[in-house]
N, C-alpha and C. Protein backbone atom coordinates (compact mmCIF):
# COMPACT_ATOMS: atom_id res chain seq x y z
N MET A 1 0.85 -1.37 -0.12
CA MET A 1 0.07 -0.01 -0.08
C MET A 1 0.91 1.16 0.03
N ILE A 2 0.63 2.14 -0.86
CA ILE A 2 1.20 3.45 -0.74
C ILE A 2 0.58 4.40 0.11
N ILE A 3 1.44 4.99 1.07
CA ILE A 3 1.05 5.87 2.11
C ILE A 3 1.09 7.23 1.65
N THR A 4 -0.11 8.06 1.83
CA THR A 4 -0.02 9.52 1.39
C THR A 4 -0.56 10.28 2.70
N GLU A 5 -0.28 11.57 2.76
CA GLU A 5 -0.74 12.59 3.61
C GLU A 5 -1.23 13.77 2.69
N GLN A 6 -2.36 14.34 3.17
CA GLN A 6 -2.86 15.64 2.34
C GLN A 6 -1.93 16.84 2.60
N LYS A 7 -1.58 17.37 1.55
CA LYS A 7 -0.77 18.68 1.62
C LYS A 7 -1.45 19.55 2.33
N PRO A 8 -0.82 20.72 3.01
CA PRO A 8 -1.51 21.74 3.80
C PRO A 8 -2.33 22.48 2.71
N LEU A 9 -3.54 22.88 3.20
CA LEU A 9 -4.46 23.63 2.37
C LEU A 9 -3.99 24.85 1.69
N VAL A 10 -3.05 25.41 2.48
CA VAL A 10 -2.43 26.79 1.80
C VAL A 10 -1.65 26.33 0.54
N GLU A 11 -0.79 25.26 0.60
CA GLU A 11 -0.08 24.83 -0.46
C GLU A 11 -1.08 24.43 -1.67
N ILE A 12 -2.09 23.70 -1.29
CA ILE A 12 -3.02 23.32 -2.54
C ILE A 12 -3.52 24.50 -3.28
N LEU A 13 -4.02 25.35 -2.34
CA LEU A 13 -4.62 26.65 -2.90
C LEU A 13 -3.61 27.45 -3.70
N GLU A 14 -2.54 27.50 -3.15
CA GLU A 14 -1.35 28.27 -3.87
C GLU A 14 -1.14 27.50 -5.32
N SER A 15 -1.00 26.36 -5.21
CA SER A 15 -0.87 25.37 -6.58
C SER A 15 -1.86 25.75 -7.64
N LEU A 16 -3.23 26.13 -7.19
CA LEU A 16 -4.24 26.28 -8.11
C LEU A 16 -4.51 27.65 -8.30
N LYS A 17 -3.42 28.70 -7.95
CA LYS A 17 -3.70 30.10 -8.03
C LYS A 17 -3.69 30.38 -9.68
N GLY A 18 -4.75 31.01 -10.11
CA GLY A 18 -4.85 31.38 -11.48
C GLY A 18 -5.81 30.48 -12.22
N TYR A 19 -6.29 29.34 -11.46
CA TYR A 19 -7.26 28.39 -12.07
C TYR A 19 -8.46 28.53 -11.22
N SER A 20 -9.62 28.61 -11.89
CA SER A 20 -10.96 28.60 -11.24
C SER A 20 -11.83 27.56 -11.36
N LYS A 21 -11.76 26.77 -12.32
CA LYS A 21 -12.43 25.66 -12.76
C LYS A 21 -11.80 24.28 -12.47
N ILE A 22 -12.21 23.66 -11.56
CA ILE A 22 -11.15 22.41 -11.14
C ILE A 22 -12.08 21.01 -11.04
N PHE A 23 -11.35 20.01 -11.69
CA PHE A 23 -11.81 18.65 -11.56
C PHE A 23 -11.06 18.02 -10.57
N LEU A 24 -11.81 17.16 -9.79
CA LEU A 24 -11.09 16.47 -8.68
C LEU A 24 -11.02 14.92 -9.04
N VAL A 25 -9.80 14.34 -8.74
CA VAL A 25 -9.65 12.83 -8.92
C VAL A 25 -9.19 12.34 -7.60
N GLY A 26 -9.82 11.20 -7.14
CA GLY A 26 -9.61 10.49 -5.87
C GLY A 26 -8.86 9.15 -6.18
N CYS A 27 -8.88 8.39 -5.26
CA CYS A 27 -8.34 7.01 -5.36
C CYS A 27 -9.09 5.92 -4.28
N GLY A 28 -9.60 5.11 -5.04
CA GLY A 28 -10.44 4.14 -4.16
C GLY A 28 -9.74 3.01 -3.38
N GLU A 29 -8.41 3.05 -3.46
CA GLU A 29 -7.60 2.10 -2.78
C GLU A 29 -6.75 2.65 -1.69
N CYS A 30 -5.50 2.99 -2.04
CA CYS A 30 -4.63 3.20 -0.99
C CYS A 30 -5.09 4.64 -0.45
N ALA A 31 -5.41 5.67 -1.18
CA ALA A 31 -5.72 6.91 -0.68
C ALA A 31 -6.88 7.04 0.22
N THR A 32 -7.77 6.13 -0.15
CA THR A 32 -9.12 6.08 0.50
C THR A 32 -8.93 5.47 1.91
N THR A 33 -8.08 4.45 1.92
CA THR A 33 -7.59 3.77 3.29
C THR A 33 -6.68 4.77 4.15
N CYS A 34 -6.27 5.57 3.55
CA CYS A 34 -5.21 6.43 4.25
C CYS A 34 -6.01 7.65 4.57
N LYS A 35 -7.33 7.93 4.08
CA LYS A 35 -8.25 8.87 4.41
C LYS A 35 -7.61 10.28 3.84
N THR A 36 -7.00 9.99 2.69
CA THR A 36 -6.43 11.16 1.99
C THR A 36 -7.15 11.47 0.65
N GLY A 37 -7.76 10.48 -0.08
CA GLY A 37 -8.50 10.62 -1.23
C GLY A 37 -9.59 9.91 -1.59
N GLY A 38 -10.51 9.58 -0.55
CA GLY A 38 -11.71 9.01 -0.76
C GLY A 38 -12.90 10.03 -0.86
N LYS A 39 -14.03 9.45 -0.81
CA LYS A 39 -15.21 10.19 -1.02
C LYS A 39 -15.29 11.48 0.01
N ASP A 40 -15.02 11.00 1.32
CA ASP A 40 -15.11 12.17 2.30
C ASP A 40 -14.14 13.34 1.92
N GLU A 41 -12.94 12.99 1.70
CA GLU A 41 -11.79 13.83 1.51
C GLU A 41 -12.17 14.77 0.16
N ILE A 42 -12.67 14.16 -0.92
CA ILE A 42 -13.11 14.86 -2.14
C ILE A 42 -14.09 15.88 -1.70
N ALA A 43 -15.18 15.53 -0.92
CA ALA A 43 -16.17 16.47 -0.44
C ALA A 43 -15.72 17.58 0.52
N LYS A 44 -14.74 17.28 1.27
CA LYS A 44 -14.17 18.31 2.22
C LYS A 44 -13.37 19.45 1.46
N LEU A 45 -12.54 18.75 0.37
CA LEU A 45 -11.67 19.60 -0.46
C LEU A 45 -12.42 20.47 -1.41
N GLN A 46 -13.58 19.84 -1.88
CA GLN A 46 -14.52 20.72 -2.72
C GLN A 46 -15.17 21.87 -1.92
N LYS A 47 -15.47 21.67 -0.69
CA LYS A 47 -15.96 22.72 0.08
C LYS A 47 -14.93 23.77 0.17
N VAL A 48 -13.67 23.54 0.53
CA VAL A 48 -12.58 24.42 0.82
C VAL A 48 -12.37 25.29 -0.62
N LEU A 49 -12.41 24.45 -1.67
CA LEU A 49 -12.14 25.31 -3.13
C LEU A 49 -13.21 26.18 -3.31
N GLU A 50 -14.44 25.71 -3.04
CA GLU A 50 -15.58 26.64 -3.36
C GLU A 50 -15.52 27.84 -2.35
N GLU A 51 -15.24 27.67 -1.20
CA GLU A 51 -15.00 28.89 -0.20
C GLU A 51 -13.97 29.88 -0.74
N ASP A 52 -13.12 29.28 -1.57
CA ASP A 52 -11.85 30.08 -2.15
C ASP A 52 -12.36 30.68 -3.59
N HIS A 53 -13.56 30.58 -3.76
CA HIS A 53 -14.29 31.12 -5.02
C HIS A 53 -13.74 30.47 -6.38
N LYS A 54 -13.73 29.03 -6.12
CA LYS A 54 -13.46 28.18 -7.28
C LYS A 54 -14.62 27.42 -7.64
N SER A 55 -14.80 26.95 -8.83
CA SER A 55 -15.86 26.00 -9.13
C SER A 55 -15.29 24.60 -9.36
N VAL A 56 -15.91 23.64 -8.71
CA VAL A 56 -15.51 22.14 -8.88
C VAL A 56 -16.52 21.59 -9.81
N LEU A 57 -16.02 21.30 -11.05
CA LEU A 57 -17.10 20.84 -12.06
C LEU A 57 -17.28 19.43 -12.15
N GLY A 58 -16.57 18.72 -11.25
CA GLY A 58 -16.82 17.24 -11.36
C GLY A 58 -15.72 16.36 -10.53
N SER A 59 -15.89 15.31 -10.24
CA SER A 59 -14.99 14.43 -9.65
C SER A 59 -15.04 13.01 -9.87
N CYS A 60 -14.06 12.24 -9.76
CA CYS A 60 -14.29 10.77 -9.97
C CYS A 60 -13.28 10.10 -8.95
N ILE A 61 -13.54 8.79 -8.57
CA ILE A 61 -12.62 8.13 -7.76
C ILE A 61 -12.43 6.69 -8.35
N PRO A 62 -11.60 6.56 -9.13
CA PRO A 62 -11.28 5.15 -9.74
C PRO A 62 -10.62 4.30 -8.66
N SER A 63 -10.88 3.01 -8.61
CA SER A 63 -10.36 2.26 -7.81
C SER A 63 -8.87 2.32 -7.60
N ALA A 64 -8.20 2.50 -8.80
CA ALA A 64 -6.86 2.72 -8.89
C ALA A 64 -6.29 3.53 -9.84
N PRO A 65 -6.23 4.85 -9.59
CA PRO A 65 -5.79 5.85 -10.65
C PRO A 65 -4.50 5.64 -11.25
N CYS A 66 -3.64 4.79 -10.72
CA CYS A 66 -2.26 4.54 -11.34
C CYS A 66 -2.38 3.40 -12.25
N VAL A 67 -3.49 2.96 -12.61
CA VAL A 67 -3.82 1.87 -13.53
C VAL A 67 -4.41 2.46 -14.81
N ALA A 68 -3.71 2.74 -15.96
CA ALA A 68 -4.22 3.46 -16.99
C ALA A 68 -5.55 2.91 -17.43
N ALA A 69 -5.99 1.66 -17.58
CA ALA A 69 -7.20 1.43 -18.02
C ALA A 69 -8.48 1.91 -17.10
N GLN A 70 -8.04 2.01 -15.90
CA GLN A 70 -9.15 2.48 -14.98
C GLN A 70 -9.37 4.06 -14.99
N ILE A 71 -8.19 4.60 -15.00
CA ILE A 71 -8.45 6.21 -15.11
C ILE A 71 -8.80 6.61 -16.27
N LYS A 72 -8.55 6.11 -17.47
CA LYS A 72 -9.23 6.22 -18.72
C LYS A 72 -10.60 6.17 -18.90
N VAL A 73 -11.08 5.05 -18.21
CA VAL A 73 -12.58 4.82 -18.08
C VAL A 73 -13.20 5.96 -17.41
N GLU A 74 -12.68 6.39 -16.10
CA GLU A 74 -13.34 7.38 -15.38
C GLU A 74 -13.16 8.84 -16.05
N LEU A 75 -12.24 8.99 -16.60
CA LEU A 75 -12.22 10.39 -17.49
C LEU A 75 -13.07 10.39 -18.54
N ALA A 76 -13.12 9.39 -19.14
CA ALA A 76 -14.22 9.25 -20.30
C ALA A 76 -15.61 9.66 -20.10
N LYS A 77 -15.73 8.93 -18.71
CA LYS A 77 -17.29 9.33 -18.02
C LYS A 77 -17.45 10.70 -17.97
N ASN A 78 -16.30 11.51 -17.72
CA ASN A 78 -16.55 12.91 -17.25
C ASN A 78 -16.02 13.98 -18.43
N THR A 79 -16.04 13.50 -19.60
CA THR A 79 -15.48 14.27 -20.74
C THR A 79 -16.14 15.68 -20.69
N GLN A 80 -17.31 15.77 -20.53
CA GLN A 80 -17.97 17.18 -20.56
C GLN A 80 -17.27 18.08 -19.50
N ALA A 81 -17.29 17.57 -18.27
CA ALA A 81 -16.92 18.31 -17.08
C ALA A 81 -15.35 18.73 -17.17
N LEU A 82 -14.52 17.65 -17.76
CA LEU A 82 -13.17 18.07 -17.90
C LEU A 82 -12.84 18.88 -18.98
N ARG A 83 -13.70 18.96 -20.08
CA ARG A 83 -13.41 20.01 -21.11
C ARG A 83 -13.61 21.38 -20.62
N GLN A 84 -14.46 21.57 -19.62
CA GLN A 84 -14.75 22.99 -18.94
C GLN A 84 -13.61 23.35 -18.07
N SER A 85 -12.93 22.32 -17.49
CA SER A 85 -11.98 22.56 -16.43
C SER A 85 -10.77 22.98 -16.81
N GLU A 86 -9.94 23.84 -15.95
CA GLU A 86 -8.77 24.34 -16.27
C GLU A 86 -7.53 23.61 -15.56
N ALA A 87 -7.90 22.85 -14.62
CA ALA A 87 -6.98 22.12 -13.84
C ALA A 87 -7.55 20.94 -13.21
N VAL A 88 -6.76 19.86 -12.99
CA VAL A 88 -7.15 18.67 -12.42
C VAL A 88 -6.23 18.44 -11.11
N LEU A 89 -7.09 18.35 -10.02
CA LEU A 89 -6.32 18.09 -8.66
C LEU A 89 -6.51 16.70 -8.36
N VAL A 90 -5.41 16.07 -8.00
CA VAL A 90 -5.40 14.51 -7.89
C VAL A 90 -5.19 14.23 -6.24
N LEU A 91 -6.22 13.46 -5.71
CA LEU A 91 -5.92 13.21 -4.27
C LEU A 91 -5.39 11.73 -4.24
N ALA A 92 -4.17 11.58 -4.73
CA ALA A 92 -3.55 10.10 -4.62
C ALA A 92 -2.16 10.28 -4.39
N CYS A 93 -1.47 9.06 -4.58
CA CYS A 93 0.06 9.07 -4.56
C CYS A 93 0.54 9.75 -5.94
N GLY A 94 1.91 10.03 -5.96
CA GLY A 94 2.63 10.59 -7.03
C GLY A 94 2.36 9.62 -8.28
N LEU A 95 2.20 8.31 -8.07
CA LEU A 95 2.07 7.50 -9.01
C LEU A 95 0.45 7.88 -9.83
N GLY A 96 -0.50 8.04 -8.95
CA GLY A 96 -1.72 8.38 -9.48
C GLY A 96 -1.81 9.73 -10.08
N VAL A 97 -0.97 10.79 -9.74
CA VAL A 97 -0.95 12.07 -10.26
C VAL A 97 -0.30 11.98 -11.64
N GLN A 98 0.79 11.01 -11.83
CA GLN A 98 1.46 11.01 -13.24
C GLN A 98 0.58 10.14 -14.13
N SER A 99 -0.21 9.17 -13.51
CA SER A 99 -1.01 8.42 -14.50
C SER A 99 -2.29 9.18 -15.07
N VAL A 100 -2.69 10.14 -14.21
CA VAL A 100 -3.76 11.00 -14.64
C VAL A 100 -3.21 11.95 -15.83
N LYS A 101 -2.03 12.41 -15.49
CA LYS A 101 -1.41 13.34 -16.39
C LYS A 101 -1.13 12.60 -17.86
N ASP A 102 -0.68 11.49 -17.78
CA ASP A 102 -0.42 10.67 -19.04
C ASP A 102 -1.66 10.20 -19.64
N ASN A 103 -2.72 10.07 -18.99
CA ASN A 103 -3.96 9.50 -19.66
C ASN A 103 -4.98 10.48 -19.90
N ASN A 104 -4.83 11.74 -19.49
CA ASN A 104 -5.70 12.84 -19.79
C ASN A 104 -5.52 13.56 -21.11
N ARG A 105 -6.41 13.12 -22.12
CA ARG A 105 -6.25 13.62 -23.43
C ARG A 105 -6.47 15.26 -23.39
N MET A 106 -7.13 15.74 -22.51
CA MET A 106 -7.70 17.22 -22.57
C MET A 106 -6.43 18.10 -22.34
N GLY A 107 -5.36 17.63 -21.68
CA GLY A 107 -4.09 18.41 -21.48
C GLY A 107 -4.05 19.42 -20.48
N GLN A 108 -5.20 19.41 -19.43
CA GLN A 108 -5.15 20.36 -18.41
C GLN A 108 -3.93 20.23 -17.41
N VAL A 109 -3.51 21.39 -16.85
CA VAL A 109 -2.43 21.04 -15.90
C VAL A 109 -3.06 20.14 -14.63
N VAL A 110 -2.12 19.23 -14.20
CA VAL A 110 -2.54 18.28 -13.18
C VAL A 110 -1.83 18.47 -12.08
N MET A 111 -2.42 18.71 -10.74
CA MET A 111 -1.76 19.05 -9.44
C MET A 111 -1.83 18.03 -8.52
N PRO A 112 -0.84 17.79 -7.56
CA PRO A 112 -1.18 16.84 -6.47
C PRO A 112 -1.69 17.53 -5.32
N ALA A 113 -2.53 16.80 -4.61
CA ALA A 113 -3.05 17.19 -3.37
C ALA A 113 -2.47 16.59 -2.12
N CYS A 114 -1.62 15.54 -2.55
CA CYS A 114 -1.15 14.77 -1.44
C CYS A 114 0.43 14.74 -1.45
N ASN A 115 1.06 14.32 -0.41
CA ASN A 115 2.43 14.08 -0.41
C ASN A 115 2.54 12.45 -0.25
N THR A 116 3.49 11.79 -1.04
CA THR A 116 3.66 10.49 -0.85
C THR A 116 4.74 10.13 0.04
N LEU A 117 4.32 9.29 1.00
CA LEU A 117 5.44 9.07 2.18
C LEU A 117 6.05 7.90 1.79
N CYS A 118 5.44 6.68 1.73
CA CYS A 118 6.21 5.45 1.67
C CYS A 118 5.31 4.38 1.28
N GLY A 119 5.83 3.01 1.16
CA GLY A 119 5.01 1.86 1.01
C GLY A 119 4.88 1.29 2.19
N ALA A 120 3.76 0.57 2.72
CA ALA A 120 3.58 0.21 4.11
C ALA A 120 2.67 -1.01 4.06
N VAL A 121 2.61 -1.69 5.14
CA VAL A 121 1.40 -2.56 5.48
C VAL A 121 0.58 -1.92 6.51
N MET A 122 -0.60 -2.44 6.67
CA MET A 122 -1.54 -1.79 7.68
C MET A 122 -1.81 -2.82 8.89
N ASP A 123 -1.57 -2.83 10.00
CA ASP A 123 -1.59 -3.83 11.08
C ASP A 123 -3.26 -3.75 11.59
N ALA A 124 -3.64 -4.71 12.36
CA ALA A 124 -4.91 -4.75 12.90
C ALA A 124 -5.55 -3.80 13.54
N GLN A 125 -4.72 -2.73 14.17
CA GLN A 125 -5.06 -1.49 14.73
C GLN A 125 -5.31 -0.41 13.77
N GLY A 126 -4.91 -0.71 12.57
CA GLY A 126 -5.07 0.48 11.60
C GLY A 126 -3.84 1.28 11.40
N ASN A 127 -2.75 0.92 11.97
CA ASN A 127 -1.48 1.64 11.78
C ASN A 127 -0.78 1.22 10.56
N PHE A 128 -0.12 2.27 9.90
CA PHE A 128 0.69 1.95 8.79
C PHE A 128 2.14 1.79 9.16
N LEU A 129 2.75 0.63 8.62
CA LEU A 129 4.15 0.36 9.06
C LEU A 129 4.87 0.07 7.66
N GLU A 130 5.86 0.92 7.61
CA GLU A 130 6.93 0.90 6.49
C GLU A 130 7.67 -0.40 6.72
N LYS A 131 7.81 -1.38 5.81
CA LYS A 131 8.40 -2.51 5.93
C LYS A 131 9.20 -3.05 4.68
N CYS A 132 8.93 -2.39 3.59
CA CYS A 132 9.58 -2.53 2.28
C CYS A 132 10.18 -1.26 1.57
N SER A 133 11.50 -1.45 1.21
CA SER A 133 12.16 -0.18 0.57
C SER A 133 12.07 -0.36 -1.09
N MET A 134 11.37 -1.36 -1.54
CA MET A 134 11.17 -1.65 -2.92
C MET A 134 12.70 -1.51 -3.60
N CYS A 135 13.77 -2.15 -2.95
CA CYS A 135 14.96 -2.11 -3.45
C CYS A 135 15.38 -2.75 -4.72
N GLY A 136 14.63 -3.79 -5.16
CA GLY A 136 14.96 -4.42 -6.37
C GLY A 136 15.67 -5.79 -6.17
N GLU A 137 15.93 -5.99 -4.88
CA GLU A 137 16.86 -7.33 -4.56
C GLU A 137 16.35 -7.87 -3.16
N CYS A 138 15.33 -8.50 -3.03
CA CYS A 138 14.49 -8.76 -1.87
C CYS A 138 15.45 -9.82 -0.88
N VAL A 139 15.71 -9.52 0.19
CA VAL A 139 16.56 -10.32 1.23
C VAL A 139 15.58 -10.90 2.30
N LEU A 140 14.43 -10.88 2.13
CA LEU A 140 13.64 -11.41 3.12
C LEU A 140 13.84 -12.83 3.45
N GLY A 141 14.14 -13.65 2.36
CA GLY A 141 14.48 -15.03 2.56
C GLY A 141 15.83 -15.37 3.20
N LEU A 142 16.55 -14.35 3.32
CA LEU A 142 17.91 -14.61 4.10
C LEU A 142 17.67 -14.32 5.57
N PHE A 143 16.62 -13.39 5.94
CA PHE A 143 16.57 -12.90 7.27
C PHE A 143 15.28 -13.06 8.02
N ALA A 144 14.89 -14.32 7.65
CA ALA A 144 13.52 -14.75 8.44
C ALA A 144 12.50 -13.78 8.22
N GLY A 145 12.15 -13.33 7.15
CA GLY A 145 11.12 -12.51 6.63
C GLY A 145 11.11 -10.99 7.42
N ILE A 146 12.26 -10.54 7.80
CA ILE A 146 12.52 -9.27 8.38
C ILE A 146 13.47 -8.52 7.56
N CYS A 147 13.14 -7.43 7.05
CA CYS A 147 14.03 -6.60 6.05
C CYS A 147 14.93 -5.62 6.93
N PRO A 148 16.44 -5.89 6.88
CA PRO A 148 17.11 -5.02 7.43
C PRO A 148 17.41 -3.74 6.62
N ILE A 149 17.08 -3.76 5.44
CA ILE A 149 17.40 -2.53 4.54
C ILE A 149 16.45 -1.45 4.97
N THR A 150 15.24 -1.85 5.25
CA THR A 150 14.19 -1.07 5.77
C THR A 150 14.06 -0.94 7.26
N LEU A 151 14.25 -1.87 7.95
CA LEU A 151 14.01 -1.66 9.41
C LEU A 151 15.14 -1.29 10.28
N CYS A 152 16.36 -1.49 9.62
CA CYS A 152 17.60 -1.00 10.23
C CYS A 152 17.80 0.43 9.75
N ALA A 153 18.01 1.26 10.68
CA ALA A 153 18.20 2.82 10.26
C ALA A 153 19.39 2.94 9.43
N LYS A 154 20.39 1.90 9.61
CA LYS A 154 21.51 1.94 8.64
C LYS A 154 21.56 0.99 7.51
N GLY A 155 20.48 0.26 7.43
CA GLY A 155 20.41 -0.71 6.34
C GLY A 155 21.64 -1.81 6.25
N LEU A 156 22.11 -2.21 7.47
CA LEU A 156 23.12 -3.07 7.71
C LEU A 156 22.82 -4.50 7.31
N LEU A 157 23.80 -5.27 6.72
CA LEU A 157 23.28 -6.53 6.17
C LEU A 157 24.15 -7.67 7.02
N ASN A 158 25.02 -7.31 8.01
CA ASN A 158 25.83 -8.21 8.71
C ASN A 158 25.89 -8.02 10.11
N GLY A 159 24.60 -7.94 10.68
CA GLY A 159 24.52 -7.83 12.24
C GLY A 159 24.26 -6.26 12.61
N PRO A 160 23.99 -6.06 13.96
CA PRO A 160 23.91 -4.73 14.39
C PRO A 160 24.99 -3.88 14.63
N CYS A 161 24.83 -2.65 14.54
CA CYS A 161 26.00 -1.57 14.74
C CYS A 161 26.31 -1.61 16.28
N GLY A 162 27.57 -0.99 16.55
CA GLY A 162 27.86 -0.95 17.90
C GLY A 162 27.15 -0.09 18.84
N GLY A 163 26.16 0.67 18.16
CA GLY A 163 25.20 1.47 18.99
C GLY A 163 23.96 1.08 19.52
N MET A 164 23.79 -0.34 19.14
CA MET A 164 22.60 -0.96 19.69
C MET A 164 22.65 -1.17 21.21
N ASN A 165 21.59 -0.80 21.82
CA ASN A 165 21.59 -0.74 23.28
C ASN A 165 20.36 -1.31 23.88
N LYS A 166 20.60 -2.66 24.53
CA LYS A 166 19.48 -3.25 25.20
C LYS A 166 18.09 -3.56 24.33
N GLY A 167 18.63 -3.92 23.08
CA GLY A 167 17.93 -4.31 21.90
C GLY A 167 17.06 -3.27 21.27
N LYS A 168 17.55 -1.91 21.64
CA LYS A 168 16.94 -0.86 20.96
C LYS A 168 17.96 -0.09 19.98
N CYS A 169 17.53 0.57 18.90
CA CYS A 169 18.29 1.26 17.76
C CYS A 169 18.76 2.47 18.52
N GLU A 170 19.98 2.69 18.03
CA GLU A 170 20.75 4.09 18.53
C GLU A 170 20.39 5.13 17.92
N VAL A 171 19.59 4.96 16.87
CA VAL A 171 19.18 6.32 16.11
C VAL A 171 17.81 6.65 16.82
N ASP A 172 16.91 5.56 17.11
CA ASP A 172 15.65 5.80 17.82
C ASP A 172 15.50 4.85 18.93
N ASN A 173 15.93 5.22 20.17
CA ASN A 173 15.80 4.26 21.23
C ASN A 173 14.23 3.76 21.65
N GLN A 174 13.41 4.18 21.02
CA GLN A 174 12.03 3.62 21.24
C GLN A 174 11.74 2.62 20.14
N ARG A 175 12.64 2.30 19.29
CA ARG A 175 12.53 1.30 18.24
C ARG A 175 13.41 0.26 18.45
N ASP A 176 12.71 -1.06 18.28
CA ASP A 176 13.61 -2.36 18.44
C ASP A 176 14.57 -2.48 17.30
N CYS A 177 15.69 -2.75 17.70
CA CYS A 177 16.93 -3.00 16.53
C CYS A 177 16.49 -4.10 15.75
N ALA A 178 16.38 -3.86 14.28
CA ALA A 178 16.01 -4.82 13.46
C ALA A 178 16.84 -6.12 13.57
N TRP A 179 18.18 -6.09 13.96
CA TRP A 179 18.82 -7.21 13.95
C TRP A 179 18.56 -8.16 15.23
N VAL A 180 18.17 -7.50 16.25
CA VAL A 180 17.69 -8.34 17.46
C VAL A 180 16.42 -9.01 16.91
N LEU A 181 15.56 -8.37 16.43
CA LEU A 181 14.27 -9.00 15.74
C LEU A 181 14.73 -10.13 14.74
N ILE A 182 15.72 -9.99 14.02
CA ILE A 182 16.19 -11.07 13.07
C ILE A 182 16.73 -12.42 13.99
N TYR A 183 17.53 -11.92 14.91
CA TYR A 183 18.13 -12.95 15.70
C TYR A 183 17.06 -13.78 16.50
N GLN A 184 15.94 -13.12 16.91
CA GLN A 184 15.03 -13.76 17.70
C GLN A 184 14.29 -14.62 16.77
N GLU A 185 13.96 -14.34 15.75
CA GLU A 185 13.19 -15.08 14.75
C GLU A 185 14.00 -16.23 14.17
N LEU A 186 15.39 -16.05 13.87
CA LEU A 186 16.06 -17.15 13.43
C LEU A 186 16.24 -18.12 14.68
N GLU A 187 16.50 -17.57 15.85
CA GLU A 187 16.52 -18.57 17.01
C GLU A 187 15.32 -19.57 17.33
N LYS A 188 14.11 -18.88 16.89
CA LYS A 188 12.83 -19.59 17.03
C LYS A 188 12.93 -20.79 15.92
N LYS A 189 13.55 -20.65 14.82
CA LYS A 189 13.58 -21.53 13.67
C LYS A 189 14.78 -22.55 13.66
N ASN A 190 15.58 -22.23 14.76
CA ASN A 190 16.95 -23.23 14.84
C ASN A 190 17.73 -22.90 13.71
N LYS A 191 17.90 -21.38 13.29
CA LYS A 191 18.61 -21.28 12.08
C LYS A 191 19.70 -20.21 12.47
N LEU A 192 20.19 -20.09 13.73
CA LEU A 192 21.15 -19.10 14.03
C LEU A 192 22.43 -19.33 13.28
N GLY A 193 22.76 -20.42 13.03
CA GLY A 193 23.99 -20.75 12.24
C GLY A 193 23.98 -19.82 10.89
N GLU A 194 23.01 -19.40 10.36
CA GLU A 194 22.75 -18.74 9.05
C GLU A 194 23.51 -17.09 9.40
N LEU A 195 23.66 -16.70 10.52
CA LEU A 195 24.03 -15.32 10.79
C LEU A 195 25.60 -15.29 10.61
N LYS A 196 26.26 -16.67 10.54
CA LYS A 196 27.70 -16.73 10.19
C LYS A 196 28.07 -16.54 8.76
N ASN A 197 27.08 -16.51 7.95
CA ASN A 197 27.29 -16.22 6.57
C ASN A 197 27.47 -14.60 6.33
N ILE A 198 28.51 -14.32 5.87
CA ILE A 198 28.71 -12.86 5.42
C ILE A 198 27.99 -12.44 4.16
N ARG A 199 27.36 -11.48 4.24
CA ARG A 199 26.53 -10.99 3.06
C ARG A 199 27.29 -9.94 2.28
N ALA A 200 27.44 -10.08 1.05
CA ALA A 200 28.03 -8.98 0.19
C ALA A 200 27.37 -7.73 0.30
N PRO A 201 27.95 -6.62 -0.07
CA PRO A 201 27.36 -5.46 -0.05
C PRO A 201 26.14 -5.44 -1.02
N LYS A 202 25.20 -4.57 -0.76
CA LYS A 202 24.06 -4.68 -1.59
C LYS A 202 24.40 -4.08 -3.02
N ASP A 203 23.80 -4.69 -4.01
CA ASP A 203 23.96 -4.18 -5.42
C ASP A 203 22.91 -3.11 -5.66
N TYR A 204 23.32 -1.87 -5.29
CA TYR A 204 22.29 -0.82 -5.55
C TYR A 204 21.98 -0.49 -7.15
N LYS A 205 22.76 -1.21 -8.04
CA LYS A 205 22.30 -0.94 -9.47
C LYS A 205 20.95 -1.44 -9.63
N LYS A 206 20.58 -2.51 -8.88
CA LYS A 206 19.33 -3.08 -9.08
C LYS A 206 18.15 -2.17 -8.63
N ALA A 207 18.48 -1.04 -8.05
CA ALA A 207 17.48 -0.36 -7.39
C ALA A 207 17.56 1.16 -8.31
N LEU A 208 18.39 1.08 -9.46
CA LEU A 208 18.29 2.38 -10.43
C LEU A 208 16.96 2.78 -10.85
N LYS A 209 16.60 3.99 -10.82
CA LYS A 209 15.45 4.64 -11.28
C LYS A 209 15.58 5.44 -12.69
N PRO A 210 14.53 5.40 -13.44
CA PRO A 210 13.31 4.71 -13.32
C PRO A 210 13.35 3.16 -13.79
N HIS A 211 12.46 2.45 -13.26
CA HIS A 211 12.34 1.04 -13.85
C HIS A 211 11.31 1.05 -15.01
N LYS A 212 11.48 0.02 -15.81
CA LYS A 212 10.57 -0.18 -16.87
C LYS A 212 10.50 -1.63 -16.88
N ILE A 213 9.31 -2.29 -16.49
CA ILE A 213 9.11 -3.78 -16.38
C ILE A 213 8.01 -4.06 -17.59
N SER A 214 8.36 -4.97 -18.49
CA SER A 214 7.49 -5.28 -19.53
C SER A 214 6.88 -6.66 -19.04
N VAL A 215 5.40 -6.84 -19.24
CA VAL A 215 4.69 -7.93 -18.76
C VAL A 215 4.36 -8.64 -20.08
């Protein structure tokens, strides 16, 4: 899941300065779950824009605006409103914003209403936990399903740093050291011997951007 937060209203209004007719695009998946781009957020932002003397000519909430087929269908349903709009404001992650831009044949300026923070999982209490850096070379199989690239503040691959103290990270002493968690998990599985294997430095060439993957 891609985690977003809504930009400050002052920043949103400043980005739309000079545009009076706006079309809104939300996201039915990640941004709806984050409460940054669902039905309620669209309605609240519409009210703010109208109080700023702007006209919201329409809106849509595709399940996943980052999927070209979905955003194309939703934009096509709103052709008339889009033709009259001067700007499109997207309440989604940066992927959604760029997908709207790439698939909107009308050519209006496309602006983000959200900041994209990270990829994360959601726990049973509704908290978002960043657990993957999308590094292009997954090491979960080596470390008992715990990612030191993401969960270790230093991204270490061969054990904890000297600053680990009583199981806590030296960068944030409220956070468990990732390597203590890895040790405990390997111990449960009787695989502590695997910690003797020296891991080569990470090949960051595999994380070069931008990626293009053909299916």
